[in-house]
Amino acid sequence: LIKKLEAEGIGRPSTYAPTISTLQARSYINIEKRQIVPTEVAFTVTEL
């Protein structure tokens, strides 16, 4: 994901780790077996 964010020019070095932490803290994602899995609310928010 960090590689993708860097390629897209989204964020800067100081924002990569905090962004992932925020998404976890807001229950938008879970990290299962080192894979990022979006929750149901992530789809609802993104669609809106």
All heavy atoms as atom14 arrays in JSON, in Angstrom:
{
  "sequence": "LIKKLEAEGIGRPSTYAPTISTLQARSYINIEKRQIVPTEVAFTVTEL",
  "atom14_mask": [
    [1, 1, 1, 1, 1, 1, 1, 1, 0, 0, 0, 0, 0, 0],
    [1, 1, 1, 1, 1, 1, 1, 1, 0, 0, 0, 0, 0, 0],
    [1, 1, 1, 1, 1, 1, 1, 1, 1, 0, 0, 0, 0, 0],
    [1, 1, 1, 1, 1, 1, 1, 1, 1, 0, 0, 0, 0, 0],
    [1, 1, 1, 1, 1, 1, 1, 1, 0, 0, 0, 0, 0, 0],
    [1, 1, 1, 1, 1, 1, 1, 1, 1, 0, 0, 0, 0, 0],
    [1, 1, 1, 1, 1, 0, 0, 0, 0, 0, 0, 0, 0, 0],
    [1, 1, 1, 1, 1, 1, 1, 1, 1, 0, 0, 0, 0, 0],
    [1, 1, 1, 1, 0, 0, 0, 0, 0, 0, 0, 0, 0, 0],
    [1, 1, 1, 1, 1, 1, 1, 1, 0, 0, 0, 0, 0, 0],
    [1, 1, 1, 1, 0, 0, 0, 0, 0, 0, 0, 0, 0, 0],
    [1, 1, 1, 1, 1, 1, 1, 1, 1, 1, 1, 0, 0, 0],
    [1, 1, 1, 1, 1, 1, 1, 0, 0, 0, 0, 0, 0, 0],
    [1, 1, 1, 1, 1, 1, 0, 0, 0, 0, 0, 0, 0, 0],
    [1, 1, 1, 1, 1, 1, 1, 0, 0, 0, 0, 0, 0, 0],
    [1, 1, 1, 1, 1, 1, 1, 1, 1, 1, 1, 1, 0, 0],
    [1, 1, 1, 1, 1, 0, 0, 0, 0, 0, 0, 0, 0, 0],
    [1, 1, 1, 1, 1, 1, 1, 0, 0, 0, 0, 0, 0, 0],
    [1, 1, 1, 1, 1, 1, 1, 0, 0, 0, 0, 0, 0, 0],
    [1, 1, 1, 1, 1, 1, 1, 1, 0, 0, 0, 0, 0, 0],
    [1, 1, 1, 1, 1, 1, 0, 0, 0, 0, 0, 0, 0, 0],
    [1, 1, 1, 1, 1, 1, 1, 0, 0, 0, 0, 0, 0, 0],
    [1, 1, 1, 1, 1, 1, 1, 1, 0, 0, 0, 0, 0, 0],
    [1, 1, 1, 1, 1, 1, 1, 1, 1, 0, 0, 0, 0, 0],
    [1, 1, 1, 1, 1, 0, 0, 0, 0, 0, 0, 0, 0, 0],
    [1, 1, 1, 1, 1, 1, 1, 1, 1, 1, 1, 0, 0, 0],
    [1, 1, 1, 1, 1, 1, 0, 0, 0, 0, 0, 0, 0, 0],
    [1, 1, 1, 1, 1, 1, 1, 1, 1, 1, 1, 1, 0, 0],
    [1, 1, 1, 1, 1, 1, 1, 1, 0, 0, 0, 0, 0, 0],
    [1, 1, 1, 1, 1, 1, 1, 1, 0, 0, 0, 0, 0, 0],
    [1, 1, 1, 1, 1, 1, 1, 1, 0, 0, 0, 0, 0, 0],
    [1, 1, 1, 1, 1, 1, 1, 1, 1, 0, 0, 0, 0, 0],
    [1, 1, 1, 1, 1, 1, 1, 1, 1, 0, 0, 0, 0, 0],
    [1, 1, 1, 1, 1, 1, 1, 1, 1, 1, 1, 0, 0, 0],
    [1, 1, 1, 1, 1, 1, 1, 1, 1, 0, 0, 0, 0, 0],
    [1, 1, 1, 1, 1, 1, 1, 1, 0, 0, 0, 0, 0, 0],
    [1, 1, 1, 1, 1, 1, 1, 0, 0, 0, 0, 0, 0, 0],
    [1, 1, 1, 1, 1, 1, 1, 0, 0, 0, 0, 0, 0, 0],
    [1, 1, 1, 1, 1, 1, 1, 0, 0, 0, 0, 0, 0, 0],
    [1, 1, 1, 1, 1, 1, 1, 1, 1, 0, 0, 0, 0, 0],
    [1, 1, 1, 1, 1, 1, 1, 0, 0, 0, 0, 0, 0, 0],
    [1, 1, 1, 1, 1, 0, 0, 0, 0, 0, 0, 0, 0, 0],
    [1, 1, 1, 1, 1, 1, 1, 1, 1, 1, 1, 0, 0, 0],
    [1, 1, 1, 1, 1, 1, 1, 0, 0, 0, 0, 0, 0, 0],
    [1, 1, 1, 1, 1, 1, 1, 0, 0, 0, 0, 0, 0, 0],
    [1, 1, 1, 1, 1, 1, 1, 0, 0, 0, 0, 0, 0, 0],
    [1, 1, 1, 1, 1, 1, 1, 1, 1, 0, 0, 0, 0, 0],
    [1, 1, 1, 1, 1, 1, 1, 1, 0, 0, 0, 0, 0, 0]
  ],
  "atom14_positions": [
    [[0.84, -1.2, 0.0], [0.0, 0.0, 0.0], [0.87, 1.25, 0.0], [0.59, 2.22, -0.73], [-0.94, 0.01, 1.21], [-1.84, 1.24, 1.33], [-2.76, 1.37, 0.12], [-2.66, 1.19, 2.61], [0.0, 0.0, 0.0], [0.0, 0.0, 0.0], [0.0, 0.0, 0.0], [0.0, 0.0, 0.0], [0.0, 0.0, 0.0], [0.0, 0.0, 0.0]],
    [[1.93, 1.25, 0.8], [2.85, 2.4, 0.82], [3.48, 2.58, -0.56], [3.62, 3.71, -1.05], [3.92, 2.19, 1.9], [3.29, 2.38, 3.29], [5.09, 3.17, 1.72], [4.2, 1.99, 4.43], [0.0, 0.0, 0.0], [0.0, 0.0, 0.0], [0.0, 0.0, 0.0], [0.0, 0.0, 0.0], [0.0, 0.0, 0.0], [0.0, 0.0, 0.0]],
    [[3.84, 1.49, -1.21], [4.42, 1.57, -2.56], [3.41, 2.19, -3.52], [3.77, 3.02, -4.37], [4.81, 0.17, -3.03], [5.58, 0.15, -4.34], [6.06, -1.26, -4.66], [6.9, -1.26, -5.94], [7.39, -2.62, -6.26], [0.0, 0.0, 0.0], [0.0, 0.0, 0.0], [0.0, 0.0, 0.0], [0.0, 0.0, 0.0], [0.0, 0.0, 0.0]],
    [[2.14, 1.81, -3.39], [1.08, 2.36, -4.24], [0.88, 3.86, -3.96], [0.77, 4.66, -4.9], [-0.22, 1.61, -3.97], [-1.45, 2.15, -4.7], [-1.38, 1.91, -6.19], [-2.69, 2.3, -6.86], [-2.62, 2.15, -8.34], [0.0, 0.0, 0.0], [0.0, 0.0, 0.0], [0.0, 0.0, 0.0], [0.0, 0.0, 0.0], [0.0, 0.0, 0.0]],
    [[0.85, 4.24, -2.68], [0.67, 5.65, -2.32], [1.82, 6.49, -2.87], [1.61, 7.59, -3.38], [0.6, 5.81, -0.8], [-0.62, 5.19, -0.1], [-0.51, 5.36, 1.41], [-1.91, 5.8, -0.6], [0.0, 0.0, 0.0], [0.0, 0.0, 0.0], [0.0, 0.0, 0.0], [0.0, 0.0, 0.0], [0.0, 0.0, 0.0], [0.0, 0.0, 0.0]],
    [[3.03, 5.96, -2.78], [4.19, 6.67, -3.3], [4.09, 6.83, -4.82], [4.36, 7.91, -5.36], [5.46, 5.91, -2.93], [6.74, 6.62, -3.36], [7.97, 5.77, -3.13], [7.84, 4.56, -2.88], [9.07, 6.32, -3.22], [0.0, 0.0, 0.0], [0.0, 0.0, 0.0], [0.0, 0.0, 0.0], [0.0, 0.0, 0.0], [0.0, 0.0, 0.0]],
    [[3.69, 5.76, -5.5], [3.57, 5.8, -6.96], [2.5, 6.8, -7.41], [2.66, 7.47, -8.43], [3.25, 4.41, -7.5], [0.0, 0.0, 0.0], [0.0, 0.0, 0.0], [0.0, 0.0, 0.0], [0.0, 0.0, 0.0], [0.0, 0.0, 0.0], [0.0, 0.0, 0.0], [0.0, 0.0, 0.0], [0.0, 0.0, 0.0], [0.0, 0.0, 0.0]],
    [[1.42, 6.9, -6.62], [0.32, 7.81, -6.97], [0.61, 9.24, -6.52], [-0.12, 10.16, -6.87], [-0.98, 7.33, -6.32], [-1.49, 5.99, -6.84], [-2.09, 6.09, -8.22], [-2.35, 7.21, -8.68], [-2.29, 5.04, -8.86], [0.0, 0.0, 0.0], [0.0, 0.0, 0.0], [0.0, 0.0, 0.0], [0.0, 0.0, 0.0], [0.0, 0.0, 0.0]],
    [[1.66, 9.43, -5.71], [1.97, 10.77, -5.21], [1.05, 11.22, -4.09], [0.88, 12.41, -3.84], [0.0, 0.0, 0.0], [0.0, 0.0, 0.0], [0.0, 0.0, 0.0], [0.0, 0.0, 0.0], [0.0, 0.0, 0.0], [0.0, 0.0, 0.0], [0.0, 0.0, 0.0], [0.0, 0.0, 0.0], [0.0, 0.0, 0.0], [0.0, 0.0, 0.0]],
    [[0.44, 10.25, -3.39], [-0.49, 10.56, -2.29], [0.28, 10.61, -0.98], [0.92, 9.63, -0.59], [-1.61, 9.5, -2.2], [-2.45, 9.53, -3.48], [-2.49, 9.74, -0.99], [-3.48, 8.43, -3.56], [0.0, 0.0, 0.0], [0.0, 0.0, 0.0], [0.0, 0.0, 0.0], [0.0, 0.0, 0.0], [0.0, 0.0, 0.0], [0.0, 0.0, 0.0]],
    [[0.23, 11.75, -0.29], [0.92, 11.86, 0.99], [2.41, 12.05, 0.82], [2.93, 12.2, -0.29], [0.0, 0.0, 0.0], [0.0, 0.0, 0.0], [0.0, 0.0, 0.0], [0.0, 0.0, 0.0], [0.0, 0.0, 0.0], [0.0, 0.0, 0.0], [0.0, 0.0, 0.0], [0.0, 0.0, 0.0], [0.0, 0.0, 0.0], [0.0, 0.0, 0.0]],
    [[3.1, 12.05, 1.94], [4.55, 12.24, 1.99], [5.13, 11.28, 3.01], [4.38, 10.61, 3.74], [4.87, 13.7, 2.37], [4.69, 14.7, 1.22], [5.69, 14.4, 0.09], [5.58, 15.31, -1.04], [4.96, 15.02, -2.17], [4.35, 13.85, -2.31], [4.92, 15.88, -3.17], [0.0, 0.0, 0.0], [0.0, 0.0, 0.0], [0.0, 0.0, 0.0]],
    [[6.44, 11.15, 3.11], [7.04, 10.16, 4.02], [6.47, 10.19, 5.43], [6.31, 9.15, 6.06], [8.53, 10.55, 4.0], [8.74, 11.17, 2.67], [7.47, 11.9, 2.34], [0.0, 0.0, 0.0], [0.0, 0.0, 0.0], [0.0, 0.0, 0.0], [0.0, 0.0, 0.0], [0.0, 0.0, 0.0], [0.0, 0.0, 0.0], [0.0, 0.0, 0.0]],
    [[6.17, 11.38, 5.93], [5.69, 11.48, 7.31], [4.24, 11.03, 7.48], [3.78, 10.83, 8.6], [5.81, 12.93, 7.79], [5.05, 13.8, 6.96], [0.0, 0.0, 0.0], [0.0, 0.0, 0.0], [0.0, 0.0, 0.0], [0.0, 0.0, 0.0], [0.0, 0.0, 0.0], [0.0, 0.0, 0.0], [0.0, 0.0, 0.0], [0.0, 0.0, 0.0]],
    [[3.5, 10.84, 6.35], [2.07, 10.54, 6.47], [1.72, 9.07, 6.23], [0.61, 8.66, 6.57], [1.25, 11.39, 5.47], [1.62, 11.03, 4.12], [1.51, 12.87, 5.69], [0.0, 0.0, 0.0], [0.0, 0.0, 0.0], [0.0, 0.0, 0.0], [0.0, 0.0, 0.0], [0.0, 0.0, 0.0], [0.0, 0.0, 0.0], [0.0, 0.0, 0.0]],
    [[2.62, 8.28, 5.65], [2.27, 6.9, 5.3], [1.82, 6.09, 6.52], [0.73, 5.53, 6.55], [3.45, 6.18, 4.62], [3.92, 6.81, 3.33], [5.27, 6.91, 3.02], [3.0, 7.32, 2.4], [5.7, 7.49, 1.84], [3.44, 7.9, 1.21], [4.79, 7.98, 0.94], [5.22, 8.56, -0.23], [0.0, 0.0, 0.0], [0.0, 0.0, 0.0]],
    [[2.68, 6.0, 7.53], [2.35, 5.2, 8.71], [1.14, 5.75, 9.47], [0.24, 4.98, 9.83], [3.57, 5.08, 9.63], [0.0, 0.0, 0.0], [0.0, 0.0, 0.0], [0.0, 0.0, 0.0], [0.0, 0.0, 0.0], [0.0, 0.0, 0.0], [0.0, 0.0, 0.0], [0.0, 0.0, 0.0], [0.0, 0.0, 0.0], [0.0, 0.0, 0.0]],
    [[1.06, 7.08, 9.74], [-0.12, 7.59, 10.46], [-1.43, 7.37, 9.71], [-2.46, 7.16, 10.34], [0.18, 9.1, 10.59], [1.66, 9.22, 10.49], [2.08, 8.13, 9.55], [0.0, 0.0, 0.0], [0.0, 0.0, 0.0], [0.0, 0.0, 0.0], [0.0, 0.0, 0.0], [0.0, 0.0, 0.0], [0.0, 0.0, 0.0], [0.0, 0.0, 0.0]],
    [[-1.4, 7.41, 8.38], [-2.63, 7.2, 7.61], [-3.17, 5.79, 7.82], [-4.36, 5.59, 8.06], [-2.37, 7.44, 6.1], [-1.97, 8.8, 5.91], [-3.62, 7.16, 5.28], [0.0, 0.0, 0.0], [0.0, 0.0, 0.0], [0.0, 0.0, 0.0], [0.0, 0.0, 0.0], [0.0, 0.0, 0.0], [0.0, 0.0, 0.0], [0.0, 0.0, 0.0]],
    [[-2.29, 4.8, 7.76], [-2.71, 3.41, 7.97], [-3.22, 3.23, 9.4], [-4.24, 2.58, 9.64], [-1.55, 2.44, 7.67], [-1.2, 2.5, 6.18], [-1.92, 1.01, 8.06], [0.05, 1.73, 5.79], [0.0, 0.0, 0.0], [0.0, 0.0, 0.0], [0.0, 0.0, 0.0], [0.0, 0.0, 0.0], [0.0, 0.0, 0.0], [0.0, 0.0, 0.0]],
    [[-2.53, 3.85, 10.37], [-2.96, 3.76, 11.78], [-4.34, 4.38, 11.97], [-5.17, 3.85, 12.71], [-1.94, 4.45, 12.68], [-0.69, 3.79, 12.64], [0.0, 0.0, 0.0], [0.0, 0.0, 0.0], [0.0, 0.0, 0.0], [0.0, 0.0, 0.0], [0.0, 0.0, 0.0], [0.0, 0.0, 0.0], [0.0, 0.0, 0.0], [0.0, 0.0, 0.0]],
    [[-4.6, 5.52, 11.32], [-5.9, 6.19, 11.43], [-7.01, 5.31, 10.86], [-8.09, 5.19, 11.45], [-5.87, 7.55, 10.71], [-4.89, 8.38, 11.31], [-7.23, 8.24, 10.8], [0.0, 0.0, 0.0], [0.0, 0.0, 0.0], [0.0, 0.0, 0.0], [0.0, 0.0, 0.0], [0.0, 0.0, 0.0], [0.0, 0.0, 0.0], [0.0, 0.0, 0.0]],
    [[-6.77, 4.7, 9.71], [-7.78, 3.83, 9.11], [-8.1, 2.64, 10.02], [-9.26, 2.21, 10.11], [-7.29, 3.33, 7.74], [-7.18, 4.39, 6.64], [-6.59, 3.77, 5.38], [-8.53, 5.02, 6.33], [0.0, 0.0, 0.0], [0.0, 0.0, 0.0], [0.0, 0.0, 0.0], [0.0, 0.0, 0.0], [0.0, 0.0, 0.0], [0.0, 0.0, 0.0]],
    [[-7.08, 2.13, 10.71], [-7.32, 1.05, 11.68], [-8.12, 1.57, 12.87], [-9.08, 0.92, 13.31], [-5.98, 0.48, 12.17], [-5.37, -0.56, 11.25], [-4.13, -1.17, 11.86], [-3.05, -0.58, 11.86], [-4.28, -2.34, 12.42], [0.0, 0.0, 0.0], [0.0, 0.0, 0.0], [0.0, 0.0, 0.0], [0.0, 0.0, 0.0], [0.0, 0.0, 0.0]],
    [[-7.71, 2.71, 13.39], [-8.35, 3.26, 14.59], [-9.83, 3.57, 14.33], [-10.66, 3.46, 15.25], [-7.62, 4.52, 15.04], [0.0, 0.0, 0.0], [0.0, 0.0, 0.0], [0.0, 0.0, 0.0], [0.0, 0.0, 0.0], [0.0, 0.0, 0.0], [0.0, 0.0, 0.0], [0.0, 0.0, 0.0], [0.0, 0.0, 0.0], [0.0, 0.0, 0.0]],
    [[-10.17, 3.97, 13.1], [-11.56, 4.3, 12.76], [-12.35, 3.07, 12.33], [-13.5, 3.18, 11.89], [-11.58, 5.34, 11.63], [-10.95, 6.67, 12.0], [-11.73, 7.39, 13.06], [-11.17, 8.7, 13.36], [-11.62, 9.5, 14.32], [-12.62, 9.1, 15.06], [-11.05, 10.67, 14.54], [0.0, 0.0, 0.0], [0.0, 0.0, 0.0], [0.0, 0.0, 0.0]],
    [[-11.74, 1.89, 12.44], [-12.39, 0.62, 12.05], [-12.77, 0.59, 10.58], [-13.74, -0.06, 10.19], [-13.63, 0.36, 12.93], [-13.25, 0.22, 14.28], [0.0, 0.0, 0.0], [0.0, 0.0, 0.0], [0.0, 0.0, 0.0], [0.0, 0.0, 0.0], [0.0, 0.0, 0.0], [0.0, 0.0, 0.0], [0.0, 0.0, 0.0], [0.0, 0.0, 0.0]],
    [[-12.01, 1.29, 9.74], [-12.21, 1.21, 8.3], [-11.52, -0.02, 7.72], [-11.92, -0.53, 6.68], [-11.65, 2.46, 7.61], [-12.5, 3.7, 7.76], [-11.92, 4.93, 8.02], [-13.87, 3.65, 7.62], [-12.68, 6.08, 8.14], [-14.65, 4.79, 7.74], [-14.05, 6.0, 8.0], [-14.82, 7.13, 8.12], [0.0, 0.0, 0.0], [0.0, 0.0, 0.0]],
    [[-10.45, -0.45, 8.37], [-9.7, -1.61, 7.88], [-9.31, -2.52, 9.05], [-9.22, -2.08, 10.2], [-8.41, -1.21, 7.12], [-7.45, -0.45, 8.05], [-8.74, -0.4, 5.87], [-6.06, -0.22, 7.45], [0.0, 0.0, 0.0], [0.0, 0.0, 0.0], [0.0, 0.0, 0.0], [0.0, 0.0, 0.0], [0.0, 0.0, 0.0], [0.0, 0.0, 0.0]],
    [[-9.11, -3.78, 8.73], [-8.47, -4.73, 9.64], [-7.24, -5.28, 8.93], [-7.23, -5.37, 7.69], [-9.41, -5.89, 9.99], [-10.6, -5.43, 10.81], [-10.45, -4.68, 11.77], [-11.8, -5.86, 10.43], [0.0, 0.0, 0.0], [0.0, 0.0, 0.0], [0.0, 0.0, 0.0], [0.0, 0.0, 0.0], [0.0, 0.0, 0.0], [0.0, 0.0, 0.0]],
    [[-6.22, -5.63, 9.69], [-5.04, -6.25, 9.1], [-5.02, -7.7, 9.54], [-4.86, -8.01, 10.72], [-3.75, -5.51, 9.51], [-3.79, -4.08, 8.97], [-2.52, -6.24, 8.96], [-2.6, -3.23, 9.31], [0.0, 0.0, 0.0], [0.0, 0.0, 0.0], [0.0, 0.0, 0.0], [0.0, 0.0, 0.0], [0.0, 0.0, 0.0], [0.0, 0.0, 0.0]],
    [[-5.27, -8.58, 8.58], [-5.38, -10.01, 8.84], [-4.32, -10.76, 8.05], [-4.29, -10.68, 6.82], [-6.77, -10.52, 8.46], [-7.91, -9.81, 9.2], [-9.28, -10.19, 8.68], [-9.35, -11.04, 7.77], [-10.27, -9.62, 9.18], [0.0, 0.0, 0.0], [0.0, 0.0, 0.0], [0.0, 0.0, 0.0], [0.0, 0.0, 0.0], [0.0, 0.0, 0.0]],
    [[-3.46, -11.47, 8.76], [-2.36, -12.21, 8.13], [-1.57, -11.3, 7.19], [-1.25, -11.65, 6.06], [-2.89, -13.43, 7.37], [-3.56, -14.44, 8.27], [-4.08, -15.63, 7.49], [-4.76, -16.63, 8.4], [-5.32, -17.77, 7.65], [0.0, 0.0, 0.0], [0.0, 0.0, 0.0], [0.0, 0.0, 0.0], [0.0, 0.0, 0.0], [0.0, 0.0, 0.0]],
    [[-1.3, -10.08, 7.67], [-0.5, -9.07, 6.98], [-1.18, -8.54, 5.72], [-0.55, -7.9, 4.9], [0.9, -9.62, 6.66], [1.69, -9.97, 7.92], [3.04, -10.57, 7.62], [3.94, -9.6, 7.05], [5.2, -9.84, 6.73], [5.7, -11.05, 6.95], [5.96, -8.92, 6.2], [0.0, 0.0, 0.0], [0.0, 0.0, 0.0], [0.0, 0.0, 0.0]],
    [[-2.48, -8.8, 5.58], [-3.25, -8.25, 4.47], [-4.25, -7.22, 4.99], [-4.84, -7.4, 6.06], [-4.0, -9.35, 3.72], [-3.1, -10.29, 2.94], [-3.91, -11.26, 2.11], [-4.96, -11.74, 2.52], [-3.43, -11.55, 0.91], [0.0, 0.0, 0.0], [0.0, 0.0, 0.0], [0.0, 0.0, 0.0], [0.0, 0.0, 0.0], [0.0, 0.0, 0.0]],
    [[-4.46, -6.14, 4.22], [-5.39, -5.08, 4.62], [-6.78, -5.4, 4.07], [-6.96, -5.51, 2.85], [-4.92, -3.71, 4.11], [-3.55, -3.37, 4.73], [-5.93, -2.63, 4.45], [-2.94, -2.09, 4.2], [0.0, 0.0, 0.0], [0.0, 0.0, 0.0], [0.0, 0.0, 0.0], [0.0, 0.0, 0.0], [0.0, 0.0, 0.0], [0.0, 0.0, 0.0]],
    [[-7.74, -5.57, 4.99], [-9.11, -5.94, 4.62], [-10.05, -4.81, 5.01], [-10.13, -4.46, 6.19], [-9.54, -7.24, 5.32], [-10.93, -7.66, 4.84], [-8.53, -8.36, 5.07], [0.0, 0.0, 0.0], [0.0, 0.0, 0.0], [0.0, 0.0, 0.0], [0.0, 0.0, 0.0], [0.0, 0.0, 0.0], [0.0, 0.0, 0.0], [0.0, 0.0, 0.0]],
    [[-10.76, -4.19, 4.05], [-11.69, -3.12, 4.4], [-12.93, -3.68, 5.09], [-13.39, -4.79, 4.77], [-12.04, -2.5, 3.04], [-11.83, -3.59, 2.05], [-10.7, -4.43, 2.59], [0.0, 0.0, 0.0], [0.0, 0.0, 0.0], [0.0, 0.0, 0.0], [0.0, 0.0, 0.0], [0.0, 0.0, 0.0], [0.0, 0.0, 0.0], [0.0, 0.0, 0.0]],
    [[-13.49, -2.93, 6.03], [-14.69, -3.35, 6.73], [-15.92, -2.9, 5.93], [-15.81, -2.18, 4.94], [-14.75, -2.74, 8.13], [-14.75, -1.3, 8.01], [-13.54, -3.15, 8.96], [0.0, 0.0, 0.0], [0.0, 0.0, 0.0], [0.0, 0.0, 0.0], [0.0, 0.0, 0.0], [0.0, 0.0, 0.0], [0.0, 0.0, 0.0], [0.0, 0.0, 0.0]],
    [[-17.1, -3.31, 6.4], [-18.34, -2.96, 5.71], [-18.53, -1.44, 5.65], [-18.93, -0.89, 4.63], [-19.53, -3.61, 6.44], [-20.86, -3.38, 5.75], [-22.0, -4.03, 6.49], [-21.74, -4.82, 7.42], [-23.16, -3.74, 6.13], [0.0, 0.0, 0.0], [0.0, 0.0, 0.0], [0.0, 0.0, 0.0], [0.0, 0.0, 0.0], [0.0, 0.0, 0.0]],
    [[-18.21, -0.77, 6.76], [-18.41, 0.68, 6.79], [-17.48, 1.4, 5.81], [-17.81, 2.47, 5.31], [-18.24, 1.22, 8.23], [-16.78, 1.22, 8.65], [-18.81, 2.63, 8.36], [0.0, 0.0, 0.0], [0.0, 0.0, 0.0], [0.0, 0.0, 0.0], [0.0, 0.0, 0.0], [0.0, 0.0, 0.0], [0.0, 0.0, 0.0], [0.0, 0.0, 0.0]],
    [[-16.33, 0.8, 5.5], [-15.41, 1.41, 4.53], [-16.06, 1.53, 3.15], [-15.89, 2.53, 2.46], [-14.13, 0.57, 4.44], [0.0, 0.0, 0.0], [0.0, 0.0, 0.0], [0.0, 0.0, 0.0], [0.0, 0.0, 0.0], [0.0, 0.0, 0.0], [0.0, 0.0, 0.0], [0.0, 0.0, 0.0], [0.0, 0.0, 0.0], [0.0, 0.0, 0.0]],
    [[-16.83, 0.5, 2.76], [-17.53, 0.54, 1.47], [-18.61, 1.62, 1.49], [-18.76, 2.37, 0.52], [-18.16, -0.82, 1.17], [-17.17, -1.87, 0.76], [-16.55, -2.68, 1.7], [-16.83, -2.04, -0.57], [-15.64, -3.64, 1.33], [-15.91, -3.01, -0.96], [-15.31, -3.8, -0.01], [0.0, 0.0, 0.0], [0.0, 0.0, 0.0], [0.0, 0.0, 0.0]],
    [[-19.36, 1.7, 2.59], [-20.44, 2.67, 2.69], [-19.91, 4.09, 2.6], [-20.43, 4.94, 1.87], [-21.21, 2.48, 4.01], [-21.63, 1.12, 4.13], [-22.43, 3.38, 4.08], [0.0, 0.0, 0.0], [0.0, 0.0, 0.0], [0.0, 0.0, 0.0], [0.0, 0.0, 0.0], [0.0, 0.0, 0.0], [0.0, 0.0, 0.0], [0.0, 0.0, 0.0]],
    [[-18.83, 4.36, 3.35], [-18.23, 5.7, 3.35], [-17.66, 6.04, 1.98], [-17.88, 7.14, 1.45], [-17.13, 5.8, 4.44], [-16.32, 7.07, 4.27], [-17.76, 5.76, 5.83], [0.0, 0.0, 0.0], [0.0, 0.0, 0.0], [0.0, 0.0, 0.0], [0.0, 0.0, 0.0], [0.0, 0.0, 0.0], [0.0, 0.0, 0.0], [0.0, 0.0, 0.0]],
    [[-16.95, 5.1, 1.38], [-16.33, 5.35, 0.07], [-17.39, 5.61, -0.99], [-17.24, 6.51, -1.82], [-15.43, 4.16, -0.33], [-14.41, 3.99, 0.66], [-14.77, 4.4, -1.68], [0.0, 0.0, 0.0], [0.0, 0.0, 0.0], [0.0, 0.0, 0.0], [0.0, 0.0, 0.0], [0.0, 0.0, 0.0], [0.0, 0.0, 0.0], [0.0, 0.0, 0.0]],
    [[-18.47, 4.82, -0.97], [-19.54, 5.02, -1.95], [-20.17, 6.41, -1.8], [-20.47, 7.08, -2.79], [-20.59, 3.93, -1.79], [-20.13, 2.58, -2.33], [-20.98, 1.43, -1.82], [-22.05, 1.69, -1.21], [-20.58, 0.26, -2.03], [0.0, 0.0, 0.0], [0.0, 0.0, 0.0], [0.0, 0.0, 0.0], [0.0, 0.0, 0.0], [0.0, 0.0, 0.0]],
    [[-20.4, 6.84, -0.56], [-20.97, 8.17, -0.33], [-20.03, 9.26, -0.85], [-20.47, 10.2, -1.52], [-21.25, 8.36, 1.16], [-21.92, 9.67, 1.59], [-22.77, 9.46, 2.83], [-20.89, 10.78, 1.87], [0.0, 0.0, 0.0], [0.0, 0.0, 0.0], [0.0, 0.0, 0.0], [0.0, 0.0, 0.0], [0.0, 0.0, 0.0], [0.0, 0.0, 0.0]]
  ]
}
